[in-house]
């Protein structure tokens, strides 16, 4: 994992935990320069846990330990209604009436649960994300690809 990706993950985690913004403000550096394309990407796939800890035994708890995080990098909220998240096999989750606040992160779990501001549930009974190799693709309500995250065989991390 690259240093910038690690820094971004730490920053996203700190923000999600409600940390004071100034506590994670990093000085402008090469960290920012190598992700200029992200300045256009208001919303991104910020983290993926494709492999549930422990055995993939198909329980709802195991399914919900498999997730994808979406982060809004802007100060303004973004309406995700009609946006989709899909895997390489074409399994698709459609956001319905979801608004992601500025600088907020939402975690989309595979299993069933009650949707909240920070956690959404696909309501599936089987695992979606391949532990070894897969790509998560986030598209807006017009079908434009907003971000992708790939892992495993033949994939480079992020873009």
N, C-alpha and C. Protein backbone atom coordinates (compact mmCIF):
# COMPACT_ATOMS: atom_id res chain seq x y z
N UNK A 1 0.85 -1.18 0.00
CA UNK A 1 0.00 0.00 0.00
C UNK A 1 0.89 1.24 0.00
N UNK A 2 0.58 2.18 -0.85
CA UNK A 2 1.41 3.37 -0.94
C UNK A 2 1.23 4.25 0.30
N UNK A 3 2.22 5.09 0.52
CA UNK A 3 2.18 5.97 1.68
C UNK A 3 0.99 6.93 1.59
N UNK A 4 0.73 7.44 0.38
CA UNK A 4 -0.36 8.40 0.25
C UNK A 4 -1.69 7.72 0.50
N UNK A 5 -1.81 6.47 0.07
CA UNK A 5 -3.06 5.73 0.29
C UNK A 5 -3.25 5.48 1.78
N UNK A 6 -2.14 5.15 2.45
CA UNK A 6 -2.21 4.92 3.89
C UNK A 6 -2.61 6.21 4.60
N UNK A 7 -2.01 7.31 4.21
CA UNK A 7 -2.33 8.60 4.83
C UNK A 7 -3.79 8.95 4.60
N UNK A 8 -4.27 8.69 3.39
CA UNK A 8 -5.65 9.01 3.07
C UNK A 8 -6.59 8.14 3.89
N UNK A 9 -6.24 6.87 4.05
CA UNK A 9 -7.08 5.96 4.82
C UNK A 9 -7.12 6.39 6.28
N UNK A 10 -5.97 6.79 6.82
CA UNK A 10 -5.91 7.25 8.20
C UNK A 10 -6.76 8.51 8.35
N UNK A 11 -6.63 9.43 7.40
CA UNK A 11 -7.39 10.67 7.45
C UNK A 11 -8.89 10.37 7.36
N UNK A 12 -9.27 9.47 6.45
CA UNK A 12 -10.69 9.14 6.29
C UNK A 12 -11.23 8.49 7.56
N UNK A 13 -10.43 7.62 8.16
CA UNK A 13 -10.85 6.95 9.39
C UNK A 13 -11.01 7.96 10.51
N UNK A 14 -10.07 8.89 10.62
CA UNK A 14 -10.13 9.90 11.68
C UNK A 14 -11.36 10.79 11.47
N UNK A 15 -11.63 11.16 10.23
CA UNK A 15 -12.80 12.00 9.96
C UNK A 15 -14.08 11.25 10.29
N UNK A 16 -14.12 9.96 9.91
CA UNK A 16 -15.31 9.17 10.16
C UNK A 16 -15.55 9.05 11.66
N UNK A 17 -14.49 9.07 12.43
CA UNK A 17 -14.62 8.95 13.88
C UNK A 17 -15.01 10.29 14.51
N UNK A 18 -15.15 11.31 13.66
CA UNK A 18 -15.58 12.61 14.17
C UNK A 18 -14.45 13.43 14.74
N UNK A 19 -13.24 13.14 14.31
CA UNK A 19 -12.09 13.90 14.81
C UNK A 19 -12.17 15.33 14.30
N UNK A 20 -11.53 16.22 14.99
CA UNK A 20 -11.50 17.62 14.57
C UNK A 20 -10.71 17.69 13.26
N UNK A 21 -11.26 18.39 12.30
CA UNK A 21 -10.66 18.45 10.97
C UNK A 21 -9.20 18.89 11.01
N UNK A 22 -8.89 19.88 11.84
CA UNK A 22 -7.52 20.38 11.87
C UNK A 22 -6.53 19.33 12.35
N UNK A 23 -7.03 18.33 13.08
CA UNK A 23 -6.13 17.29 13.60
C UNK A 23 -5.58 16.42 12.48
N UNK A 24 -6.29 16.37 11.35
CA UNK A 24 -5.82 15.52 10.26
C UNK A 24 -5.41 16.35 9.04
N UNK A 25 -5.40 17.67 9.18
CA UNK A 25 -4.99 18.51 8.05
C UNK A 25 -3.50 18.30 7.82
N UNK A 26 -3.18 17.84 6.63
CA UNK A 26 -1.78 17.57 6.31
C UNK A 26 -1.24 18.74 5.50
N UNK A 27 0.04 19.05 5.64
CA UNK A 27 0.60 20.14 4.82
C UNK A 27 0.55 19.76 3.34
N UNK A 28 0.40 20.75 2.49
CA UNK A 28 0.41 20.48 1.06
C UNK A 28 1.77 19.89 0.71
N UNK A 29 1.73 18.75 0.05
CA UNK A 29 2.98 18.04 -0.22
C UNK A 29 2.80 17.17 -1.45
N UNK A 30 3.75 16.32 -1.70
CA UNK A 30 3.65 15.38 -2.81
C UNK A 30 2.41 14.52 -2.65
N UNK A 31 1.99 14.35 -1.42
CA UNK A 31 0.78 13.57 -1.13
C UNK A 31 -0.40 14.12 -1.93
N UNK A 32 -0.50 15.44 -2.02
CA UNK A 32 -1.61 16.04 -2.76
C UNK A 32 -1.34 16.05 -4.26
N UNK A 33 -0.09 16.23 -4.63
CA UNK A 33 0.23 16.35 -6.05
C UNK A 33 -0.06 15.07 -6.83
N UNK A 34 0.15 13.91 -6.20
CA UNK A 34 -0.03 12.68 -6.97
C UNK A 34 -1.49 12.24 -7.00
N UNK A 35 -2.38 13.04 -6.44
CA UNK A 35 -3.79 12.67 -6.56
C UNK A 35 -4.62 13.84 -7.08
N UNK A 36 -4.03 14.59 -8.01
CA UNK A 36 -4.76 15.71 -8.59
C UNK A 36 -6.06 15.27 -9.23
N UNK A 37 -6.06 14.07 -9.84
CA UNK A 37 -7.27 13.60 -10.48
C UNK A 37 -8.39 13.42 -9.47
N UNK A 38 -8.05 13.29 -8.19
CA UNK A 38 -9.08 13.13 -7.17
C UNK A 38 -9.76 14.44 -6.84
N UNK A 39 -9.14 15.56 -7.20
CA UNK A 39 -9.79 16.83 -6.92
C UNK A 39 -11.07 16.93 -7.75
N UNK A 40 -11.09 16.31 -8.93
CA UNK A 40 -12.30 16.29 -9.73
C UNK A 40 -13.27 15.27 -9.19
N UNK A 41 -12.75 14.22 -8.55
CA UNK A 41 -13.59 13.16 -8.01
C UNK A 41 -14.11 13.59 -6.64
N UNK A 42 -15.28 14.18 -6.66
CA UNK A 42 -15.87 14.68 -5.40
C UNK A 42 -16.14 13.52 -4.46
N UNK A 43 -16.52 12.39 -5.06
CA UNK A 43 -16.89 11.22 -4.28
C UNK A 43 -16.00 10.08 -4.73
N UNK A 44 -15.51 9.29 -3.79
CA UNK A 44 -14.62 8.19 -4.17
C UNK A 44 -14.86 6.96 -3.30
N UNK A 45 -14.43 5.82 -3.82
CA UNK A 45 -14.38 4.59 -3.03
C UNK A 45 -13.13 4.72 -2.18
N UNK A 46 -13.30 4.89 -0.88
CA UNK A 46 -12.17 5.19 -0.02
C UNK A 46 -11.58 3.97 0.66
N UNK A 47 -12.34 2.87 0.76
CA UNK A 47 -11.81 1.67 1.41
C UNK A 47 -12.70 0.50 1.05
N UNK A 48 -12.10 -0.70 1.04
CA UNK A 48 -12.85 -1.93 0.77
C UNK A 48 -12.37 -3.00 1.72
N UNK A 49 -13.30 -3.71 2.31
CA UNK A 49 -12.95 -4.95 3.03
C UNK A 49 -13.71 -6.06 2.33
N UNK A 50 -13.03 -6.72 1.37
CA UNK A 50 -13.67 -7.76 0.57
C UNK A 50 -13.70 -9.09 1.30
N UNK A 51 -12.75 -9.28 2.19
CA UNK A 51 -12.62 -10.56 2.88
C UNK A 51 -13.02 -10.38 4.35
N UNK A 52 -14.17 -10.92 4.71
CA UNK A 52 -14.61 -10.83 6.10
C UNK A 52 -13.60 -11.50 7.01
N UNK A 53 -13.30 -10.89 8.16
CA UNK A 53 -12.40 -11.56 9.11
C UNK A 53 -13.01 -12.91 9.51
N UNK A 54 -12.16 -13.91 9.67
CA UNK A 54 -12.66 -15.24 10.02
C UNK A 54 -13.17 -15.97 8.80
N UNK A 55 -13.94 -17.03 9.01
CA UNK A 55 -14.45 -17.82 7.90
C UNK A 55 -15.65 -17.15 7.25
N UNK A 56 -15.71 -17.23 5.91
CA UNK A 56 -16.87 -16.71 5.19
C UNK A 56 -17.97 -17.76 5.32
N UNK A 57 -18.68 -17.73 6.42
CA UNK A 57 -19.65 -18.80 6.70
C UNK A 57 -21.07 -18.44 6.29
N UNK A 58 -21.24 -17.29 5.65
CA UNK A 58 -22.56 -16.94 5.13
C UNK A 58 -23.53 -16.39 6.15
N UNK A 59 -23.09 -16.23 7.41
CA UNK A 59 -23.98 -15.62 8.40
C UNK A 59 -24.11 -14.13 8.08
N UNK A 60 -25.16 -13.51 8.58
CA UNK A 60 -25.36 -12.09 8.33
C UNK A 60 -24.19 -11.28 8.88
N UNK A 61 -23.66 -11.72 10.03
CA UNK A 61 -22.52 -11.03 10.62
C UNK A 61 -21.31 -11.09 9.69
N UNK A 62 -21.08 -12.27 9.10
CA UNK A 62 -19.97 -12.42 8.15
C UNK A 62 -20.21 -11.57 6.90
N UNK A 63 -21.45 -11.57 6.41
CA UNK A 63 -21.78 -10.78 5.22
C UNK A 63 -21.57 -9.29 5.48
N UNK A 64 -21.92 -8.83 6.68
CA UNK A 64 -21.80 -7.41 6.98
C UNK A 64 -20.37 -6.97 7.29
N UNK A 65 -19.48 -7.95 7.51
CA UNK A 65 -18.06 -7.62 7.70
C UNK A 65 -17.38 -7.46 6.34
N UNK A 66 -18.15 -7.65 5.28
CA UNK A 66 -17.69 -7.39 3.90
C UNK A 66 -18.34 -6.07 3.51
N UNK A 67 -17.52 -5.05 3.15
CA UNK A 67 -18.08 -3.74 2.88
C UNK A 67 -17.21 -2.90 1.95
N UNK A 68 -17.82 -1.85 1.44
CA UNK A 68 -17.13 -0.85 0.62
C UNK A 68 -17.48 0.50 1.24
N UNK A 69 -16.48 1.37 1.37
CA UNK A 69 -16.73 2.72 1.89
C UNK A 69 -16.67 3.74 0.77
N UNK A 70 -17.62 4.66 0.80
CA UNK A 70 -17.70 5.77 -0.15
C UNK A 70 -17.51 7.05 0.66
N UNK A 71 -16.59 7.93 0.21
CA UNK A 71 -16.32 9.18 0.92
C UNK A 71 -16.60 10.38 0.02
N UNK A 72 -17.24 11.38 0.59
CA UNK A 72 -17.48 12.65 -0.08
C UNK A 72 -16.35 13.59 0.34
N UNK A 73 -15.50 13.97 -0.61
CA UNK A 73 -14.34 14.81 -0.30
C UNK A 73 -14.63 16.31 -0.31
N UNK A 74 -15.88 16.67 -0.60
CA UNK A 74 -16.21 18.09 -0.66
C UNK A 74 -16.91 18.54 0.62
N UNK A 75 -17.13 19.85 0.73
CA UNK A 75 -17.83 20.39 1.90
C UNK A 75 -19.34 20.29 1.75
N UNK A 76 -19.79 20.12 0.51
CA UNK A 76 -21.24 20.09 0.26
C UNK A 76 -21.73 18.65 0.21
N UNK A 77 -22.98 18.45 0.63
CA UNK A 77 -23.55 17.10 0.57
C UNK A 77 -23.79 16.74 -0.90
N UNK A 78 -23.78 15.43 -1.16
CA UNK A 78 -23.99 14.91 -2.51
C UNK A 78 -25.17 13.95 -2.48
N UNK A 79 -26.08 14.14 -3.43
CA UNK A 79 -27.25 13.26 -3.53
C UNK A 79 -26.84 12.01 -4.30
N UNK A 80 -26.85 10.85 -3.63
CA UNK A 80 -26.44 9.59 -4.27
C UNK A 80 -27.63 8.82 -4.84
N UNK A 81 -28.81 9.41 -4.81
CA UNK A 81 -30.00 8.72 -5.31
C UNK A 81 -29.80 8.27 -6.75
N UNK A 82 -29.98 6.98 -7.00
CA UNK A 82 -29.82 6.45 -8.35
C UNK A 82 -28.40 6.04 -8.69
N UNK A 83 -27.42 6.33 -7.83
CA UNK A 83 -26.06 5.90 -8.06
C UNK A 83 -25.98 4.39 -7.83
N UNK A 84 -24.97 3.75 -8.41
CA UNK A 84 -24.82 2.31 -8.25
C UNK A 84 -23.40 1.92 -7.88
N UNK A 85 -23.31 0.80 -7.19
CA UNK A 85 -22.03 0.19 -6.84
C UNK A 85 -22.12 -1.24 -7.34
N UNK A 86 -21.14 -1.66 -8.18
CA UNK A 86 -21.23 -3.02 -8.72
C UNK A 86 -19.87 -3.70 -8.69
N UNK A 87 -19.93 -5.05 -8.77
CA UNK A 87 -18.70 -5.84 -8.82
C UNK A 87 -18.46 -6.30 -10.26
N UNK A 88 -17.37 -7.06 -10.47
CA UNK A 88 -17.03 -7.51 -11.82
C UNK A 88 -18.08 -8.45 -12.40
N UNK A 89 -18.81 -9.17 -11.54
CA UNK A 89 -19.82 -10.12 -12.01
C UNK A 89 -21.15 -9.45 -12.34
N UNK A 90 -21.23 -8.14 -12.12
CA UNK A 90 -22.46 -7.42 -12.44
C UNK A 90 -23.46 -7.33 -11.31
N UNK A 91 -23.09 -7.83 -10.12
CA UNK A 91 -23.98 -7.64 -8.96
C UNK A 91 -24.03 -6.15 -8.67
N UNK A 92 -25.24 -5.60 -8.52
CA UNK A 92 -25.38 -4.16 -8.42
C UNK A 92 -26.18 -3.76 -7.19
N UNK A 93 -25.68 -2.74 -6.51
CA UNK A 93 -26.42 -2.12 -5.41
C UNK A 93 -26.79 -0.72 -5.87
N UNK A 94 -28.07 -0.36 -5.72
CA UNK A 94 -28.53 0.97 -6.14
C UNK A 94 -28.86 1.80 -4.90
N UNK A 95 -28.26 2.98 -4.83
CA UNK A 95 -28.54 3.90 -3.73
C UNK A 95 -29.93 4.48 -3.91
N UNK A 96 -30.72 4.45 -2.87
CA UNK A 96 -32.08 4.94 -2.94
C UNK A 96 -32.29 6.02 -1.88
N UNK A 97 -32.48 7.25 -2.34
CA UNK A 97 -32.76 8.36 -1.43
C UNK A 97 -31.67 8.51 -0.36
N UNK A 98 -30.41 8.52 -0.82
CA UNK A 98 -29.27 8.65 0.10
C UNK A 98 -28.56 9.97 -0.18
N UNK A 99 -28.36 10.76 0.87
CA UNK A 99 -27.59 11.99 0.74
C UNK A 99 -26.37 11.85 1.63
N UNK A 100 -25.18 12.03 1.02
CA UNK A 100 -23.92 11.90 1.75
C UNK A 100 -23.43 13.29 2.11
N UNK A 101 -23.36 13.56 3.41
CA UNK A 101 -22.96 14.88 3.89
C UNK A 101 -21.53 15.22 3.47
N UNK A 102 -21.20 16.50 3.50
CA UNK A 102 -19.85 16.94 3.17
C UNK A 102 -18.83 16.31 4.12
N UNK A 103 -17.70 15.89 3.56
CA UNK A 103 -16.60 15.28 4.33
C UNK A 103 -17.04 14.03 5.09
N UNK A 104 -18.08 13.36 4.61
CA UNK A 104 -18.60 12.18 5.31
C UNK A 104 -18.28 10.90 4.54
N UNK A 105 -18.34 9.79 5.25
CA UNK A 105 -18.11 8.47 4.67
C UNK A 105 -19.28 7.57 5.02
N UNK A 106 -19.72 6.78 4.05
CA UNK A 106 -20.76 5.80 4.31
C UNK A 106 -20.20 4.42 3.96
N UNK A 107 -20.54 3.42 4.76
CA UNK A 107 -20.05 2.04 4.55
C UNK A 107 -21.22 1.20 4.05
N UNK A 108 -21.05 0.57 2.88
CA UNK A 108 -22.09 -0.26 2.30
C UNK A 108 -21.77 -1.72 2.60
N UNK A 109 -22.57 -2.32 3.50
CA UNK A 109 -22.38 -3.71 3.91
C UNK A 109 -23.13 -4.64 2.96
N UNK A 110 -22.66 -5.87 2.83
CA UNK A 110 -23.28 -6.83 1.92
C UNK A 110 -24.59 -7.39 2.48
N UNK A 111 -24.63 -7.66 3.78
CA UNK A 111 -25.79 -8.32 4.39
C UNK A 111 -26.95 -7.40 4.69
N UNK A 112 -27.79 -7.87 5.61
CA UNK A 112 -29.01 -7.14 5.98
C UNK A 112 -28.78 -6.32 7.23
N UNK A 113 -29.50 -5.20 7.33
CA UNK A 113 -29.41 -4.35 8.51
C UNK A 113 -30.29 -3.13 8.30
N UNK A 114 -30.29 -2.24 9.27
CA UNK A 114 -31.09 -1.02 9.18
C UNK A 114 -30.19 0.12 8.71
N UNK A 115 -30.53 0.72 7.57
CA UNK A 115 -29.73 1.81 7.02
C UNK A 115 -29.66 2.98 7.99
N UNK A 116 -28.46 3.55 8.11
CA UNK A 116 -28.26 4.76 8.92
C UNK A 116 -27.47 5.75 8.08
N UNK A 117 -27.11 6.86 8.69
CA UNK A 117 -26.33 7.90 7.99
C UNK A 117 -24.94 7.39 7.63
N UNK A 118 -24.41 6.44 8.41
CA UNK A 118 -23.04 5.97 8.21
C UNK A 118 -22.95 4.55 7.66
N UNK A 119 -24.05 3.81 7.68
CA UNK A 119 -24.03 2.41 7.23
C UNK A 119 -25.27 2.09 6.40
N UNK A 120 -25.02 1.51 5.22
CA UNK A 120 -26.10 1.05 4.36
C UNK A 120 -25.95 -0.45 4.16
N UNK A 121 -27.05 -1.13 3.88
CA UNK A 121 -27.03 -2.59 3.77
C UNK A 121 -27.66 -3.03 2.46
N UNK A 122 -26.95 -3.93 1.74
CA UNK A 122 -27.46 -4.42 0.46
C UNK A 122 -28.56 -5.45 0.66
N UNK A 123 -28.59 -6.11 1.83
CA UNK A 123 -29.63 -7.10 2.09
C UNK A 123 -29.43 -8.41 1.36
N UNK A 124 -28.18 -8.73 1.02
CA UNK A 124 -27.90 -9.98 0.31
C UNK A 124 -27.70 -11.14 1.28
N UNK A 125 -27.90 -12.35 0.74
CA UNK A 125 -27.70 -13.55 1.56
C UNK A 125 -26.41 -14.28 1.20
N UNK A 126 -25.70 -13.77 0.20
CA UNK A 126 -24.41 -14.37 -0.18
C UNK A 126 -23.38 -13.26 -0.35
N UNK A 127 -22.11 -13.63 -0.23
CA UNK A 127 -21.02 -12.67 -0.39
C UNK A 127 -20.98 -12.16 -1.83
N UNK A 128 -20.63 -10.89 -1.98
CA UNK A 128 -20.55 -10.27 -3.31
C UNK A 128 -19.10 -10.11 -3.74
N UNK A 129 -18.27 -9.53 -2.88
CA UNK A 129 -16.92 -9.16 -3.27
C UNK A 129 -16.00 -10.36 -3.19
N UNK A 130 -15.29 -10.63 -4.29
CA UNK A 130 -14.35 -11.75 -4.36
C UNK A 130 -13.14 -11.41 -3.50
N UNK A 131 -12.79 -12.30 -2.59
CA UNK A 131 -11.66 -12.06 -1.69
C UNK A 131 -10.35 -11.90 -2.45
N UNK A 132 -10.20 -12.65 -3.56
CA UNK A 132 -8.90 -12.73 -4.23
C UNK A 132 -8.71 -11.70 -5.32
N UNK A 133 -9.78 -11.36 -6.04
CA UNK A 133 -9.65 -10.45 -7.16
C UNK A 133 -11.02 -9.92 -7.57
N UNK A 134 -11.18 -8.62 -7.57
CA UNK A 134 -12.46 -8.04 -7.97
C UNK A 134 -12.25 -6.55 -8.20
N UNK A 135 -13.27 -5.90 -8.74
CA UNK A 135 -13.26 -4.46 -8.92
C UNK A 135 -14.61 -3.91 -8.48
N UNK A 136 -14.58 -2.91 -7.62
CA UNK A 136 -15.80 -2.19 -7.23
C UNK A 136 -15.88 -0.95 -8.11
N UNK A 137 -17.03 -0.73 -8.72
CA UNK A 137 -17.23 0.44 -9.59
C UNK A 137 -18.40 1.26 -9.08
N UNK A 138 -18.13 2.54 -8.87
CA UNK A 138 -19.17 3.47 -8.43
C UNK A 138 -19.58 4.33 -9.62
N UNK A 139 -20.89 4.33 -9.94
CA UNK A 139 -21.40 5.14 -11.05
C UNK A 139 -22.48 6.08 -10.54
N UNK A 140 -22.56 7.26 -11.18
CA UNK A 140 -23.59 8.21 -10.79
C UNK A 140 -24.92 7.85 -11.45
N UNK A 141 -25.93 8.69 -11.23
CA UNK A 141 -27.27 8.38 -11.73
C UNK A 141 -27.38 8.49 -13.24
N UNK A 142 -26.33 8.98 -13.89
CA UNK A 142 -26.32 9.02 -15.37
C UNK A 142 -25.48 7.89 -15.95
N UNK A 143 -24.95 7.03 -15.07
CA UNK A 143 -24.17 5.89 -15.54
C UNK A 143 -22.70 6.20 -15.76
N UNK A 144 -22.27 7.41 -15.38
CA UNK A 144 -20.86 7.76 -15.54
C UNK A 144 -20.05 7.15 -14.40
N UNK A 145 -18.89 6.58 -14.74
CA UNK A 145 -18.03 6.00 -13.71
C UNK A 145 -17.39 7.12 -12.90
N UNK A 146 -17.61 7.09 -11.58
CA UNK A 146 -17.07 8.09 -10.68
C UNK A 146 -15.75 7.62 -10.10
N UNK A 147 -15.67 6.34 -9.75
CA UNK A 147 -14.44 5.78 -9.18
C UNK A 147 -14.47 4.27 -9.28
N UNK A 148 -13.28 3.68 -9.30
CA UNK A 148 -13.15 2.22 -9.25
C UNK A 148 -12.08 1.87 -8.24
N UNK A 149 -12.20 0.70 -7.68
CA UNK A 149 -11.20 0.18 -6.75
C UNK A 149 -11.03 -1.29 -7.09
N UNK A 150 -9.80 -1.67 -7.42
CA UNK A 150 -9.50 -3.05 -7.79
C UNK A 150 -8.51 -3.66 -6.82
N UNK A 151 -8.59 -4.97 -6.67
CA UNK A 151 -7.63 -5.67 -5.82
C UNK A 151 -7.41 -7.06 -6.37
N UNK A 152 -6.28 -7.67 -5.96
CA UNK A 152 -6.01 -9.05 -6.33
C UNK A 152 -5.22 -9.19 -7.62
N UNK A 153 -5.35 -10.36 -8.22
CA UNK A 153 -4.56 -10.76 -9.40
C UNK A 153 -4.63 -9.72 -10.51
N UNK A 154 -3.46 -9.28 -10.96
CA UNK A 154 -3.39 -8.41 -12.13
C UNK A 154 -3.97 -7.03 -11.93
N UNK A 155 -4.30 -6.69 -10.70
CA UNK A 155 -4.87 -5.37 -10.44
C UNK A 155 -3.87 -4.52 -9.68
N UNK A 156 -3.84 -3.25 -10.03
CA UNK A 156 -3.07 -2.28 -9.23
C UNK A 156 -4.09 -1.64 -8.30
N UNK A 157 -3.68 -1.31 -7.14
CA UNK A 157 -4.60 -0.68 -6.19
C UNK A 157 -5.03 0.68 -6.68
N UNK A 158 -6.31 0.95 -6.67
CA UNK A 158 -6.93 2.25 -6.97
C UNK A 158 -6.51 2.79 -8.33
N UNK A 159 -7.42 2.80 -9.23
CA UNK A 159 -7.28 3.33 -10.60
C UNK A 159 -6.25 2.52 -11.35
